[in-house]
C-alpha atoms as a PDB file:
ATOM      1  CA  UNK A   1      85.449 105.848  93.001  1.00  0.00           C
ATOM      2  CA  UNK A   2      84.685 107.595  96.250  1.00  0.00           C
ATOM      3  CA  UNK A   3      87.045 109.470  98.630  1.00  0.00           C
ATOM      4  CA  UNK A   4      85.214 107.968 101.605  1.00  0.00           C
ATOM      5  CA  UNK A   5      86.381 104.517 100.485  1.00  0.00           C
ATOM      6  CA  UNK A   6      90.082 105.342 100.740  1.00  0.00           C
ATOM      7  CA  UNK A   7      91.329 103.988 104.078  1.00  0.00           C
ATOM      8  CA  UNK A   8      94.057 105.726 106.127  1.00  0.00           C
ATOM      9  CA  UNK A   9      96.516 103.050 104.922  1.00  0.00           C
ATOM     10  CA  UNK A  10      95.796 103.833 101.257  1.00  0.00           C
ATOM     11  CA  UNK A  11      93.610 100.794 100.584  1.00  0.00           C
ATOM     12  CA  UNK A  12      90.847 101.554  98.123  1.00  0.00           C
ATOM     13  CA  UNK A  13      87.955  99.796  99.872  1.00  0.00           C
ATOM     14  CA  UNK A  14      85.970 100.156  96.648  1.00  0.00           C
ATOM     15  CA  UNK A  15      88.076  97.276  95.259  1.00  0.00           C
ATOM     16  CA  UNK A  16      87.659  95.024  98.289  1.00  0.00           C
ATOM     17  CA  UNK A  17      85.630  91.813  98.157  1.00  0.00           C
ATOM     18  CA  UNK A  18      83.851  92.719 101.385  1.00  0.00           C
ATOM     19  CA  UNK A  19      82.671  96.018  99.902  1.00  0.00           C
ATOM     20  CA  UNK A  20      81.759  94.644  96.460  1.00  0.00           C
ATOM     21  CA  UNK A  21      79.865  91.515  97.534  1.00  0.00           C
ATOM     22  CA  UNK A  22      76.068  91.591  97.456  1.00  0.00           C
ATOM     23  CA  UNK A  23      75.349  90.222 100.945  1.00  0.00           C
ATOM     24  CA  UNK A  24      76.581  91.588 104.280  1.00  0.00           C
ATOM     25  CA  UNK A  25      78.364  94.404 102.462  1.00  0.00           C
ATOM     26  CA  UNK A  26      81.118  96.261 104.335  1.00  0.00           C
ATOM     27  CA  UNK A  27      80.804 100.067 104.173  1.00  0.00           C
ATOM     28  CA  UNK A  28      84.604 100.534 104.101  1.00  0.00           C
ATOM     29  CA  UNK A  29      87.347 100.990 106.695  1.00  0.00           C
ATOM     30  CA  UNK A  30      86.835 104.714 107.175  1.00  0.00           C
ATOM     31  CA  UNK A  31      83.125 104.286 107.877  1.00  0.00           C
ATOM     32  CA  UNK A  32      83.515 102.679 111.286  1.00  0.00           C
ATOM     33  CA  UNK A  33      83.340  99.170 109.822  1.00  0.00           C
ATOM     34  CA  UNK A  34      81.974  96.630 112.280  1.00  0.00           C
ATOM     35  CA  UNK A  35      82.848  92.976 112.758  1.00  0.00           C
ATOM     36  CA  UNK A  36      80.594  90.858 114.992  1.00  0.00           C
ATOM     37  CA  UNK A  37      78.846  94.021 116.168  1.00  0.00           C
ATOM     38  CA  UNK A  38      82.037  95.790 117.258  1.00  0.00           C
ATOM     39  CA  UNK A  39      84.217  98.336 115.503  1.00  0.00           C
ATOM     40  CA  UNK A  40      87.119  96.715 113.644  1.00  0.00           C
ATOM     41  CA  UNK A  41      90.377  96.954 115.563  1.00  0.00           C
ATOM     42  CA  UNK A  42      92.785  97.898 112.778  1.00  0.00           C
ATOM     43  CA  UNK A  43      96.096  99.068 114.235  1.00  0.00           C
ATOM     44  CA  UNK A  44      96.802 101.245 111.214  1.00  0.00           C
ATOM     45  CA  UNK A  45      93.388 102.904 111.337  1.00  0.00           C
ATOM     46  CA  UNK A  46      93.677 103.469 115.097  1.00  0.00           C
ATOM     47  CA  UNK A  47      97.305 104.688 114.999  1.00  0.00           C
ATOM     48  CA  UNK A  48      97.805 107.718 117.248  1.00  0.00           C
ATOM     49  CA  UNK A  49     101.040 108.858 115.569  1.00  0.00           C
ATOM     50  CA  UNK A  50      99.326 109.867 112.332  1.00  0.00           C
ATOM     51  CA  UNK A  51      98.649 113.621 112.359  1.00  0.00           C
ATOM     52  CA  UNK A  52      96.018 113.632 109.622  1.00  0.00           C
ATOM     53  CA  UNK A  53      93.585 111.501 107.698  1.00  0.00           C
ATOM     54  CA  UNK A  54      96.155 109.309 105.914  1.00  0.00           C
ATOM     55  CA  UNK A  55      99.395 107.543 106.824  1.00  0.00           C
ATOM     56  CA  UNK A  56     101.465 109.930 104.694  1.00  0.00           C
ATOM     57  CA  UNK A  57     100.680 112.520 107.391  1.00  0.00           C
ATOM     58  CA  UNK A  58     102.994 110.671 109.767  1.00  0.00           C
ATOM     59  CA  UNK A  59     106.704 111.299 110.322  1.00  0.00           C
ATOM     60  CA  UNK A  60     107.281 107.517 110.239  1.00  0.00           C
ATOM     61  CA  UNK A  61     105.637 107.044 106.809  1.00  0.00           C
ATOM     62  CA  UNK A  62     105.891 104.329 105.726  1.00  0.00           C
ATOM     63  CA  UNK A  63     106.080 102.523 109.060  1.00  0.00           C
ATOM     64  CA  UNK A  64     107.016  98.853 109.405  1.00  0.00           C
ATOM     65  CA  UNK A  65     103.385  97.773 109.830  1.00  0.00           C
ATOM     66  CA  UNK A  66     102.360  99.541 106.607  1.00  0.00           C
ATOM     67  CA  UNK A  67     105.400  98.133 104.780  1.00  0.00           C
ATOM     68  CA  UNK A  68     104.461  94.575 105.798  1.00  0.00           C
ATOM     69  CA  UNK A  69     100.865  95.006 104.660  1.00  0.00           C
ATOM     70  CA  UNK A  70     101.983  96.667 101.428  1.00  0.00           C
ATOM     71  CA  UNK A  71     104.384  93.803 100.671  1.00  0.00           C
ATOM     72  CA  UNK A  72     101.591  91.273 101.183  1.00  0.00           C
ATOM     73  CA  UNK A  73      99.205  93.250  98.944  1.00  0.00           C
ATOM     74  CA  UNK A  74     101.829  93.625  96.217  1.00  0.00           C
ATOM     75  CA  UNK A  75     102.548  89.892  96.227  1.00  0.00           C
ATOM     76  CA  UNK A  76      98.965  88.617  96.534  1.00  0.00           C
ATOM     77  CA  UNK A  77      96.840  91.320  94.916  1.00  0.00           C
ATOM     78  CA  UNK A  78      99.156  93.330  92.633  1.00  0.00           C
ATOM     79  CA  UNK A  79      98.397  96.641  94.338  1.00  0.00           C
ATOM     80  CA  UNK A  80     100.291  98.907  96.722  1.00  0.00           C
ATOM     81  CA  UNK A  81      98.829 100.973  99.521  1.00  0.00           C
ATOM     82  CA  UNK A  82     102.095 102.919  99.797  1.00  0.00           C
ATOM     83  CA  UNK A  83     102.010 103.779  96.077  1.00  0.00           C
ATOM     84  CA  UNK A  84      98.379 104.872  96.515  1.00  0.00           C
ATOM     85  CA  UNK A  85      99.313 107.157  99.411  1.00  0.00           C
ATOM     86  CA  UNK A  86     102.237 108.672  97.512  1.00  0.00           C
ATOM     87  CA  UNK A  87      99.969 109.332  94.509  1.00  0.00           C
ATOM     88  CA  UNK A  88      97.377 111.009  96.751  1.00  0.00           C
ATOM     89  CA  UNK A  89     100.023 113.119  98.513  1.00  0.00           C
ATOM     90  CA  UNK A  90     101.747 114.189  95.297  1.00  0.00           C
ATOM     91  CA  UNK A  91      98.790 114.593  92.920  1.00  0.00           C
ATOM     92  CA  UNK A  92      95.727 115.024  95.128  1.00  0.00           C
ATOM     93  CA  UNK A  93      92.704 112.875  95.838  1.00  0.00           C
ATOM     94  CA  UNK A  94      90.700 113.952  92.789  1.00  0.00           C
ATOM     95  CA  UNK A  95      93.329 112.790  90.283  1.00  0.00           C
ATOM     96  CA  UNK A  96      93.976 109.611  92.284  1.00  0.00           C
ATOM     97  CA  UNK A  97      90.276 108.691  92.214  1.00  0.00           C
ATOM     98  CA  UNK A  98      90.081 109.372  88.474  1.00  0.00           C
ATOM     99  CA  UNK A  99      93.102 107.131  87.845  1.00  0.00           C
ATOM    100  CA  UNK A 100      91.653 104.398  90.075  1.00  0.00           C
ATOM    101  CA  UNK A 101      88.393 104.518  88.115  1.00  0.00           C
ATOM    102  CA  UNK A 102      90.269 104.215  84.806  1.00  0.00           C
ATOM    103  CA  UNK A 103      92.418 101.367  86.128  1.00  0.00           C
ATOM    104  CA  UNK A 104      89.830  99.186  87.884  1.00  0.00           C
ATOM    105  CA  UNK A 105      86.371  99.911  86.405  1.00  0.00           C
ATOM    106  CA  UNK A 106      85.017  99.085  82.958  1.00  0.00           C
ATOM    107  CA  UNK A 107      81.687  98.151  81.368  1.00  0.00           C
ATOM    108  CA  UNK A 108      81.907  94.667  82.950  1.00  0.00           C
ATOM    109  CA  UNK A 109      82.049  96.179  86.461  1.00  0.00           C
ATOM    110  CA  UNK A 110      84.568  96.949  89.188  1.00  0.00           C
ATOM    111  CA  UNK A 111      87.593  94.680  89.488  1.00  0.00           C
ATOM    112  CA  UNK A 112      88.020  93.095  92.922  1.00  0.00           C
ATOM    113  CA  UNK A 113      91.687  92.830  93.910  1.00  0.00           C
ATOM    114  CA  UNK A 114      90.954  89.951  96.299  1.00  0.00           C
ATOM    115  CA  UNK A 115      89.143  87.443  94.064  1.00  0.00           C
ATOM    116  CA  UNK A 116      90.059  88.953  90.663  1.00  0.00           C
ATOM    117  CA  UNK A 117      86.405  89.052  89.528  1.00  0.00           C
ATOM    118  CA  UNK A 118      84.294  91.963  88.329  1.00  0.00           C
ATOM    119  CA  UNK A 119      81.251  93.193  90.215  1.00  0.00           C
ATOM    120  CA  UNK A 120      78.436  95.338  88.829  1.00  0.00           C
END
């Protein structure tokens, strides 16, 4: 797992279908990801209230927008951006990345939260 693949919202882009797929691979939200030639317009990524790299650096953490996205990800993909951000804030990025590696990667590849397949 790579720190550069952790989006401001707490999404681990290393588990995303768009990052893991072989063709037209997305470099991750924090990389300046482009859609149709233009930078993606993610309201969470572009939020001006955040005072640091991640949403936990905001006085409104977790905001309503993040809560809605987190609820959707918990229901559909069995993961939580808010839980990720809390783990990073409380335990540091290094431990978070180690735990993510242990949780999502094995000899069959990296588990994709979106299509529930493994990618080498």
